C-alpha atoms as a PDB file:
ATOM      1  CA  MET A   1       6.883  -7.317  -4.173  1.00  0.00           C
ATOM      2  CA  SER A   2      10.231  -5.560  -4.035  1.00  0.00           C
ATOM      3  CA  ALA A   3      10.565  -2.257  -5.869  1.00  0.00           C
ATOM      4  CA  THR A   4      12.868  -2.033  -8.859  1.00  0.00           C
ATOM      5  CA  PHE A   5      15.320   0.836  -8.985  1.00  0.00           C
ATOM      6  CA  GLU A   6      18.467   2.044 -10.679  1.00  0.00           C
ATOM      7  CA  ASN A   7      21.213  -0.472  -9.958  1.00  0.00           C
ATOM      8  CA  ARG A   8      24.457   0.461 -11.684  1.00  0.00           C
ATOM      9  CA  SER A   9      27.706  -1.325 -10.896  1.00  0.00           C
ATOM     10  CA  ASP A  10      29.820   1.802 -10.645  1.00  0.00           C
ATOM     11  CA  LEU A  11      32.163   0.777  -7.840  1.00  0.00           C
ATOM     12  CA  THR A  12      34.805  -1.882  -8.301  1.00  0.00           C
ATOM     13  CA  GLU A  13      36.890  -0.832  -5.283  1.00  0.00           C
ATOM     14  CA  PRO A  14      35.597   0.418  -1.946  1.00  0.00           C
ATOM     15  CA  LEU A  15      35.718   4.120  -1.144  1.00  0.00           C
ATOM     16  CA  ASP A  16      37.055   5.528   2.094  1.00  0.00           C
ATOM     17  CA  VAL A  17      34.414   7.071   4.367  1.00  0.00           C
ATOM     18  CA  GLU A  18      35.035  10.580   3.041  1.00  0.00           C
ATOM     19  CA  GLY A  19      34.721   9.360  -0.522  1.00  0.00           C
ATOM     20  CA  LEU A  20      31.478   7.539   0.231  1.00  0.00           C
ATOM     21  CA  GLU A  21      29.952  10.589   1.865  1.00  0.00           C
ATOM     22  CA  ALA A  22      31.036  12.736  -1.074  1.00  0.00           C
ATOM     23  CA  ARG A  23      29.420  10.314  -3.522  1.00  0.00           C
ATOM     24  CA  LEU A  24      26.167  10.341  -1.549  1.00  0.00           C
ATOM     25  CA  ARG A  25      26.132  14.134  -1.459  1.00  0.00           C
ATOM     26  CA  GLU A  26      26.696  14.192  -5.211  1.00  0.00           C
ATOM     27  CA  VAL A  27      23.568  12.078  -5.623  1.00  0.00           C
ATOM     28  CA  GLY A  28      21.560  14.585  -3.601  1.00  0.00           C
ATOM     29  CA  GLU A  29      22.913  17.574  -5.482  1.00  0.00           C
ATOM     30  CA  SER A  30      22.051  16.076  -8.866  1.00  0.00           C
ATOM     31  CA  ARG A  31      18.856  14.127  -8.087  1.00  0.00           C
ATOM     32  CA  TYR A  32      17.068  15.651  -5.087  1.00  0.00           C
ATOM     33  CA  HIS A  33      13.801  17.406  -5.928  1.00  0.00           C
ATOM     34  CA  HIS A  34      15.087  20.888  -5.134  1.00  0.00           C
ATOM     35  CA  ARG A  35      15.543  21.262  -8.896  1.00  0.00           C
ATOM     36  CA  HIS A  36      12.084  20.011  -9.899  1.00  0.00           C
ATOM     37  CA  PRO A  37       9.953  22.585 -11.799  1.00  0.00           C
ATOM     38  CA  PHE A  38       6.964  22.063  -9.499  1.00  0.00           C
ATOM     39  CA  GLN A  39       9.075  22.672  -6.393  1.00  0.00           C
ATOM     40  CA  LEU A  40      10.496  25.843  -7.957  1.00  0.00           C
ATOM     41  CA  MET A  41       7.008  27.057  -8.902  1.00  0.00           C
ATOM     42  CA  LEU A  42       5.763  26.335  -5.372  1.00  0.00           C
ATOM     43  CA  GLN A  43       8.479  28.362  -3.649  1.00  0.00           C
ATOM     44  CA  ASN A  44       8.456  31.147  -6.245  1.00  0.00           C
ATOM     45  CA  GLY A  45       4.739  31.882  -5.908  1.00  0.00           C
ATOM     46  CA  GLU A  46       3.842  30.641  -9.380  1.00  0.00           C
ATOM     47  CA  LEU A  47       1.073  28.244  -8.340  1.00  0.00           C
ATOM     48  CA  ASP A  48      -2.549  29.091  -7.606  1.00  0.00           C
ATOM     49  CA  LYS A  49      -4.350  27.953  -4.471  1.00  0.00           C
ATOM     50  CA  ARG A  50      -5.833  24.878  -6.173  1.00  0.00           C
ATOM     51  CA  GLN A  51      -2.368  23.696  -7.203  1.00  0.00           C
ATOM     52  CA  VAL A  52      -0.978  24.243  -3.691  1.00  0.00           C
ATOM     53  CA  GLN A  53      -3.955  22.327  -2.296  1.00  0.00           C
ATOM     54  CA  ALA A  54      -3.189  19.433  -4.656  1.00  0.00           C
ATOM     55  CA  TRP A  55       0.418  19.372  -3.440  1.00  0.00           C
ATOM     56  CA  ALA A  56      -0.596  19.322   0.245  1.00  0.00           C
ATOM     57  CA  LEU A  57      -3.288  16.698  -0.319  1.00  0.00           C
ATOM     58  CA  ASN A  58      -0.949  14.321  -2.134  1.00  0.00           C
ATOM     59  CA  ARG A  59       2.015  14.908   0.157  1.00  0.00           C
ATOM     60  CA  TYR A  60      -0.144  13.898   3.124  1.00  0.00           C
ATOM     61  CA  TYR A  61      -0.002  10.283   1.989  1.00  0.00           C
ATOM     62  CA  TYR A  62       3.792  10.368   2.053  1.00  0.00           C
ATOM     63  CA  GLN A  63       3.794  11.946   5.527  1.00  0.00           C
ATOM     64  CA  ALA A  64       1.284   9.427   6.873  1.00  0.00           C
ATOM     65  CA  MET A  65       3.315   6.465   5.635  1.00  0.00           C
ATOM     66  CA  ILE A  66       6.635   7.559   7.162  1.00  0.00           C
ATOM     67  CA  PRO A  67       6.023   6.009  10.612  1.00  0.00           C
ATOM     68  CA  ILE A  68       4.695   2.860   8.965  1.00  0.00           C
ATOM     69  CA  LYS A  69       7.861   2.389   6.909  1.00  0.00           C
ATOM     70  CA  ASP A  70      10.005   3.204   9.964  1.00  0.00           C
ATOM     71  CA  ALA A  71       8.129   0.669  12.094  1.00  0.00           C
ATOM     72  CA  SER A  72       8.722  -2.009   9.454  1.00  0.00           C
ATOM     73  CA  LEU A  73      12.437  -1.208   9.527  1.00  0.00           C
ATOM     74  CA  MET A  74      12.622  -1.253  13.328  1.00  0.00           C
ATOM     75  CA  ALA A  75      11.038  -4.715  13.342  1.00  0.00           C
ATOM     76  CA  ARG A  76      14.152  -5.962  11.526  1.00  0.00           C
ATOM     77  CA  MET A  77      16.718  -4.199  13.717  1.00  0.00           C
ATOM     78  CA  SER A  78      18.391  -6.649  16.069  1.00  0.00           C
ATOM     79  CA  ASP A  79      20.271  -3.975  18.038  1.00  0.00           C
ATOM     80  CA  PRO A  80      18.126  -2.466  20.849  1.00  0.00           C
ATOM     81  CA  ALA A  81      20.259   0.693  20.877  1.00  0.00           C
ATOM     82  CA  LEU A  82      19.601   1.223  17.179  1.00  0.00           C
ATOM     83  CA  ARG A  83      15.879   0.638  17.684  1.00  0.00           C
ATOM     84  CA  ARG A  84      15.785   3.173  20.495  1.00  0.00           C
ATOM     85  CA  GLU A  85      17.564   5.733  18.360  1.00  0.00           C
ATOM     86  CA  TRP A  86      15.340   5.125  15.349  1.00  0.00           C
ATOM     87  CA  ARG A  87      12.178   5.255  17.486  1.00  0.00           C
ATOM     88  CA  SER A  88      12.445   9.038  17.731  1.00  0.00           C
ATOM     89  CA  ARG A  89      11.327   9.203  14.096  1.00  0.00           C
ATOM     90  CA  LEU A  90       8.024   7.575  14.960  1.00  0.00           C
ATOM     91  CA  VAL A  91       7.488   9.995  17.827  1.00  0.00           C
ATOM     92  CA  ASP A  92       8.329  12.945  15.573  1.00  0.00           C
ATOM     93  CA  HIS A  93       5.538  11.996  13.167  1.00  0.00           C
ATOM     94  CA  ASP A  94       2.956  10.280  15.397  1.00  0.00           C
ATOM     95  CA  GLY A  95       3.521  12.335  18.541  1.00  0.00           C
ATOM     96  CA  GLU A  96       3.485  10.979  22.071  1.00  0.00           C
ATOM     97  CA  VAL A  97      -0.247  11.653  22.409  1.00  0.00           C
ATOM     98  CA  GLU A  98      -3.134  12.377  20.082  1.00  0.00           C
ATOM     99  CA  GLY A  99      -2.997  15.836  18.556  1.00  0.00           C
ATOM    100  CA  GLU A 100       0.808  16.034  18.450  1.00  0.00           C
ATOM    101  CA  GLY A 101       3.435  15.154  15.869  1.00  0.00           C
ATOM    102  CA  GLY A 102       4.253  15.865  12.271  1.00  0.00           C
ATOM    103  CA  ILE A 103       1.204  14.192  10.761  1.00  0.00           C
ATOM    104  CA  GLU A 104      -1.089  16.333  12.894  1.00  0.00           C
ATOM    105  CA  ARG A 105       0.858  19.452  11.888  1.00  0.00           C
ATOM    106  CA  TRP A 106       0.475  18.474   8.237  1.00  0.00           C
ATOM    107  CA  LEU A 107      -3.282  18.215   8.775  1.00  0.00           C
ATOM    108  CA  LYS A 108      -3.208  21.762  10.155  1.00  0.00           C
ATOM    109  CA  LEU A 109      -1.597  22.758   6.869  1.00  0.00           C
ATOM    110  CA  THR A 110      -4.373  21.110   4.854  1.00  0.00           C
ATOM    111  CA  ASP A 111      -6.940  22.650   7.240  1.00  0.00           C
ATOM    112  CA  GLY A 112      -5.443  26.057   6.525  1.00  0.00           C
ATOM    113  CA  LEU A 113      -5.754  25.392   2.813  1.00  0.00           C
ATOM    114  CA  ASP A 114      -9.477  24.664   3.236  1.00  0.00           C
ATOM    115  CA  LEU A 115      -9.224  20.957   2.492  1.00  0.00           C
ATOM    116  CA  PRO A 116     -11.737  18.878   4.512  1.00  0.00           C
ATOM    117  CA  ARG A 117      -9.960  16.480   6.882  1.00  0.00           C
ATOM    118  CA  PRO A 118     -12.105  13.492   5.857  1.00  0.00           C
ATOM    119  CA  LEU A 119     -10.981  14.040   2.271  1.00  0.00           C
ATOM    120  CA  VAL A 120      -7.306  14.289   3.254  1.00  0.00           C
ATOM    121  CA  THR A 121      -7.167  11.364   5.666  1.00  0.00           C
ATOM    122  CA  SER A 122      -9.169   9.063   3.377  1.00  0.00           C
ATOM    123  CA  THR A 123      -6.402   9.499   0.712  1.00  0.00           C
ATOM    124  CA  ARG A 124      -9.048   8.679  -1.891  1.00  0.00           C
ATOM    125  CA  GLY A 125      -8.345  11.852  -3.814  1.00  0.00           C
ATOM    126  CA  ILE A 126      -4.595  11.399  -4.278  1.00  0.00           C
ATOM    127  CA  LEU A 127      -3.045  10.774  -7.669  1.00  0.00           C
ATOM    128  CA  PRO A 128      -2.407   7.151  -8.660  1.00  0.00           C
ATOM    129  CA  ALA A 129       1.257   7.976  -9.191  1.00  0.00           C
ATOM    130  CA  THR A 130       1.490   9.354  -5.648  1.00  0.00           C
ATOM    131  CA  ARG A 131       0.146   6.099  -4.252  1.00  0.00           C
ATOM    132  CA  PHE A 132       2.455   3.993  -6.426  1.00  0.00           C
ATOM    133  CA  ALA A 133       5.553   6.036  -5.529  1.00  0.00           C
ATOM    134  CA  VAL A 134       4.904   6.077  -1.786  1.00  0.00           C
ATOM    135  CA  GLU A 135       4.084   2.379  -1.681  1.00  0.00           C
ATOM    136  CA  ALA A 136       7.205   1.603  -3.690  1.00  0.00           C
ATOM    137  CA  TYR A 137       9.184   3.379  -0.976  1.00  0.00           C
ATOM    138  CA  THR A 138       7.479   1.581   1.896  1.00  0.00           C
ATOM    139  CA  HIS A 139       8.012  -1.763   0.125  1.00  0.00           C
ATOM    140  CA  PHE A 140      11.660  -0.911  -0.463  1.00  0.00           C
ATOM    141  CA  VAL A 141      12.224  -0.226   3.242  1.00  0.00           C
ATOM    142  CA  ARG A 142      10.346  -3.371   4.201  1.00  0.00           C
ATOM    143  CA  ASP A 143      12.041  -5.710   1.722  1.00  0.00           C
ATOM    144  CA  ARG A 144      15.605  -4.480   1.232  1.00  0.00           C
ATOM    145  CA  THR A 145      18.450  -4.922   3.696  1.00  0.00           C
ATOM    146  CA  PRO A 146      18.414  -2.657   6.765  1.00  0.00           C
ATOM    147  CA  LEU A 147      21.549  -0.982   5.407  1.00  0.00           C
ATOM    148  CA  GLU A 148      19.784  -0.051   2.160  1.00  0.00           C
ATOM    149  CA  ALA A 149      16.640   0.983   4.015  1.00  0.00           C
ATOM    150  CA  ILE A 150      18.602   3.299   6.286  1.00  0.00           C
ATOM    151  CA  ALA A 151      20.510   4.724   3.319  1.00  0.00           C
ATOM    152  CA  SER A 152      17.250   5.554   1.558  1.00  0.00           C
ATOM    153  CA  SER A 153      16.454   8.016   4.367  1.00  0.00           C
ATOM    154  CA  LEU A 154      19.509  10.119   3.522  1.00  0.00           C
ATOM    155  CA  THR A 155      17.429  12.540   1.481  1.00  0.00           C
ATOM    156  CA  GLU A 156      17.109  14.217   4.888  1.00  0.00           C
ATOM    157  CA  LEU A 157      20.640  15.494   4.348  1.00  0.00           C
ATOM    158  CA  PHE A 158      19.204  17.866   1.761  1.00  0.00           C
ATOM    159  CA  SER A 159      15.691  18.628   3.042  1.00  0.00           C
ATOM    160  CA  PRO A 160      16.543  21.628   5.285  1.00  0.00           C
ATOM    161  CA  MET A 161      17.688  23.528   2.202  1.00  0.00           C
ATOM    162  CA  VAL A 162      14.354  22.928   0.458  1.00  0.00           C
ATOM    163  CA  ILE A 163      12.303  23.572   3.601  1.00  0.00           C
ATOM    164  CA  GLY A 164      13.850  26.982   4.137  1.00  0.00           C
ATOM    165  CA  GLN A 165      13.319  28.049   0.533  1.00  0.00           C
ATOM    166  CA  ARG A 166       9.782  26.666   0.486  1.00  0.00           C
ATOM    167  CA  VAL A 167       8.637  28.373   3.678  1.00  0.00           C
ATOM    168  CA  ARG A 168      10.191  31.744   2.811  1.00  0.00           C
ATOM    169  CA  GLY A 169       8.763  31.677  -0.686  1.00  0.00           C
ATOM    170  CA  MET A 170       5.284  30.563   0.329  1.00  0.00           C
ATOM    171  CA  LEU A 171       5.020  33.201   3.075  1.00  0.00           C
ATOM    172  CA  GLU A 172       6.198  35.895   0.680  1.00  0.00           C
ATOM    173  CA  HIS A 173       3.986  34.995  -2.264  1.00  0.00           C
ATOM    174  CA  TYR A 174       0.777  33.370  -1.013  1.00  0.00           C
ATOM    175  CA  ASP A 175      -1.783  35.309   1.003  1.00  0.00           C
ATOM    176  CA  PHE A 176      -3.649  32.087   1.820  1.00  0.00           C
ATOM    177  CA  VAL A 177      -0.858  30.670   4.039  1.00  0.00           C
ATOM    178  CA  SER A 178       0.638  31.863   7.324  1.00  0.00           C
ATOM    179  CA  SER A 179       3.377  30.847   9.735  1.00  0.00           C
ATOM    180  CA  GLU A 180       0.750  28.855  11.632  1.00  0.00           C
ATOM    181  CA  THR A 181      -0.326  27.078   8.448  1.00  0.00           C
ATOM    182  CA  LEU A 182       3.282  26.090   7.735  1.00  0.00           C
ATOM    183  CA  ALA A 183       4.087  25.044  11.319  1.00  0.00           C
ATOM    184  CA  TYR A 184       4.940  21.515  10.148  1.00  0.00           C
ATOM    185  CA  PHE A 185       8.237  22.669   8.736  1.00  0.00           C
ATOM    186  CA  GLU A 186       9.934  24.422  11.675  1.00  0.00           C
ATOM    187  CA  PRO A 187      10.610  21.248  13.727  1.00  0.00           C
ATOM    188  CA  ARG A 188      11.900  19.513  10.614  1.00  0.00           C
ATOM    189  CA  LEU A 189      14.751  22.019  10.416  1.00  0.00           C
ATOM    190  CA  THR A 190      16.256  20.356  13.506  1.00  0.00           C
ATOM    191  CA  GLN A 191      14.766  16.853  13.262  1.00  0.00           C
ATOM    192  CA  ALA A 192      15.942  16.159   9.701  1.00  0.00           C
ATOM    193  CA  PRO A 193      19.635  17.044  10.287  1.00  0.00           C
ATOM    194  CA  ARG A 194      19.657  14.982  13.499  1.00  0.00           C
ATOM    195  CA  ASP A 195      18.186  11.967  11.726  1.00  0.00           C
ATOM    196  CA  ALA A 196      20.383  12.410   8.656  1.00  0.00           C
ATOM    197  CA  GLU A 197      23.606  12.515  10.679  1.00  0.00           C
ATOM    198  CA  MET A 198      22.601   9.379  12.552  1.00  0.00           C
ATOM    199  CA  ALA A 199      21.796   7.530   9.316  1.00  0.00           C
ATOM    200  CA  LEU A 200      24.946   8.795   7.593  1.00  0.00           C
ATOM    201  CA  ASP A 201      27.115   7.632  10.488  1.00  0.00           C
ATOM    202  CA  TYR A 202      25.483   4.194  10.347  1.00  0.00           C
ATOM    203  CA  VAL A 203      26.005   3.917   6.584  1.00  0.00           C
ATOM    204  CA  LYS A 204      29.644   4.991   6.760  1.00  0.00           C
ATOM    205  CA  ARG A 205      30.351   2.420   9.484  1.00  0.00           C
ATOM    206  CA  HIS A 206      28.523  -0.496   7.861  1.00  0.00           C
ATOM    207  CA  ALA A 207      28.975   0.014   4.108  1.00  0.00           C
ATOM    208  CA  VAL A 208      32.610  -1.044   3.826  1.00  0.00           C
ATOM    209  CA  ARG A 209      32.700  -3.309   0.772  1.00  0.00           C
ATOM    210  CA  ALA A 210      32.291  -1.946  -2.749  1.00  0.00           C
ATOM    211  CA  ASP A 211      29.014  -3.826  -3.262  1.00  0.00           C
ATOM    212  CA  GLN A 212      27.602  -2.479   0.011  1.00  0.00           C
ATOM    213  CA  GLN A 213      28.600   1.048  -0.898  1.00  0.00           C
ATOM    214  CA  GLN A 214      27.056   0.696  -4.339  1.00  0.00           C
ATOM    215  CA  ALA A 215      23.852  -0.558  -2.712  1.00  0.00           C
ATOM    216  CA  VAL A 216      23.557   2.490  -0.450  1.00  0.00           C
ATOM    217  CA  ILE A 217      24.271   4.870  -3.333  1.00  0.00           C
ATOM    218  CA  ASP A 218      21.565   3.165  -5.380  1.00  0.00           C
ATOM    219  CA  ALA A 219      19.179   3.292  -2.411  1.00  0.00           C
ATOM    220  CA  LEU A 220      19.575   7.065  -2.207  1.00  0.00           C
ATOM    221  CA  ARG A 221      19.109   7.357  -5.971  1.00  0.00           C
ATOM    222  CA  PHE A 222      15.897   5.374  -5.646  1.00  0.00           C
ATOM    223  CA  LYS A 223      14.547   7.591  -2.865  1.00  0.00           C
ATOM    224  CA  CYS A 224      15.330  10.717  -4.870  1.00  0.00           C
ATOM    225  CA  SER A 225      13.415   9.181  -7.776  1.00  0.00           C
ATOM    226  CA  VAL A 226      10.399   8.567  -5.511  1.00  0.00           C
ATOM    227  CA  LEU A 227      10.266  12.240  -4.523  1.00  0.00           C
ATOM    228  CA  TRP A 228      10.839  13.383  -8.110  1.00  0.00           C
ATOM    229  CA  ALA A 229       8.078  11.085  -9.418  1.00  0.00           C
ATOM    230  CA  MET A 230       5.582  12.523  -6.937  1.00  0.00           C
ATOM    231  CA  LEU A 231       6.241  16.032  -8.238  1.00  0.00           C
ATOM    232  CA  ASP A 232       6.145  14.808 -11.844  1.00  0.00           C
ATOM    233  CA  ALA A 233       2.610  13.545 -11.205  1.00  0.00           C
ATOM    234  CA  LEU A 234       1.512  16.868  -9.705  1.00  0.00           C
ATOM    235  CA  GLN A 235       3.048  18.783 -12.596  1.00  0.00           C
ATOM    236  CA  HIS A 236       1.275  16.619 -15.180  1.00  0.00           C
ATOM    237  CA  ALA A 237      -2.113  16.618 -13.436  1.00  0.00           C
ATOM    238  CA  TYR A 238      -2.420  20.167 -12.128  1.00  0.00           C
ATOM    239  CA  VAL A 239      -0.019  22.371 -14.116  1.00  0.00           C
ATOM    240  CA  THR A 240       0.667  21.169 -17.625  1.00  0.00           C
ATOM    241  CA  PRO A 241      -0.959  19.557 -19.526  1.00  0.00           C
ATOM    242  CA  GLY A 242      -3.431  19.596 -16.638  1.00  0.00           C
ATOM    243  CA  GLN A 243      -4.776  16.089 -17.090  1.00  0.00           C
ATOM    244  CA  VAL A 244      -6.218  14.979 -13.740  1.00  0.00           C
ATOM    245  CA  PRO A 245      -6.761  11.200 -13.759  1.00  0.00           C
ATOM    246  CA  PRO A 246     -10.234   9.839 -12.968  1.00  0.00           C
ATOM    247  CA  GLY A 247     -10.957   9.616  -9.263  1.00  0.00           C
ATOM    248  CA  ALA A 248      -8.261  12.089  -8.243  1.00  0.00           C
ATOM    249  CA  TRP A 249      -9.123  15.367  -6.567  1.00  0.00           C
ATOM    250  CA  GLY A 250     -10.599  17.821  -9.052  1.00  0.00           C
ATOM    251  CA  SER A 251     -11.168  15.255 -11.795  1.00  0.00           C
ATOM    252  CA  GLY A 252     -14.950  15.575 -11.688  1.00  0.00           C
ATOM    253  CA  VAL A 253     -15.206  11.796 -11.471  1.00  0.00           C
ATOM    254  CA  ASP A 254     -16.648  10.639  -8.167  1.00  0.00           C
ATOM    255  CA  GLY A 255     -16.352   6.884  -8.511  1.00  0.00           C
ATOM    256  CA  ASP A 256     -14.306   6.812  -5.299  1.00  0.00           C
ATOM    257  CA  GLY A 257     -16.951   8.645  -3.304  1.00  0.00           C
ATOM    258  CA  LEU A 258     -15.510  12.051  -4.117  1.00  0.00           C
ATOM    259  CA  GLY A 259     -17.492  14.944  -5.430  1.00  0.00           C
ATOM    260  CA  GLY A 260     -16.225  16.927  -8.381  1.00  0.00           C
ATOM    261  CA  GLU A 261     -14.377  19.402  -6.155  1.00  0.00           C
ATOM    262  CA  GLY A 262     -12.886  16.731  -3.943  1.00  0.00           C
ATOM    263  CA  ARG A 263     -15.682  16.596  -1.363  1.00  0.00           C
ATOM    264  CA  LEU A 264     -16.678  13.339   0.218  1.00  0.00           C
ATOM    265  CA  SER A 265     -20.114  12.441  -1.062  1.00  0.00           C
END
């Protein structure tokens, strides 16, 4: 099933490459999750440990699915050079050998937050909305054109800004994290800009008609909505009104094999 997303027919004439890039950056400035209340609370030290744990637990599912969505995209790339270039994303997250890569570093973050690995990797404690949002993204990349799929990754243009603010704020305000706990983020400060520039170059070279350009703009809007929806779910469940859905971590309902505090039973 293909995900639905905002699909406005804004463009009637094609933009030049500078105009297209400007339009994409406008999308990020207005829609990226750097403005979300939960993100601001996280970096400003306004969450308690339980709320930070909930964020790390749910975000793991997104991290774990990144190489899966990238592999599905690579399977549809006919250009070997493009596949080779895109393959670095899989290595970044999966590592070359066991114990390396971004997913493993994220697990060190959840370890540092005292979340049991079996709980995290099972993903049974994540919010339903987290699962729906992440799967909508993986389905989008699998089902849409390669051009749209590549454009959806352009949120990486804006992630270094959020990463820097998040790491500085968390180290300043939370005594339960350390530089070692947050080690996931340092490589992303170089990986994300590299990947974003590659994807942006591809989009600017291949989105030449007005309909193609509108499609890539809408793809970036969709991806921003995925990230925003994930934080909406965390805000609703763990901040206000604090309604944790049954089966999610901390709900007290263990129908998924989870104890009341998120322990595997």
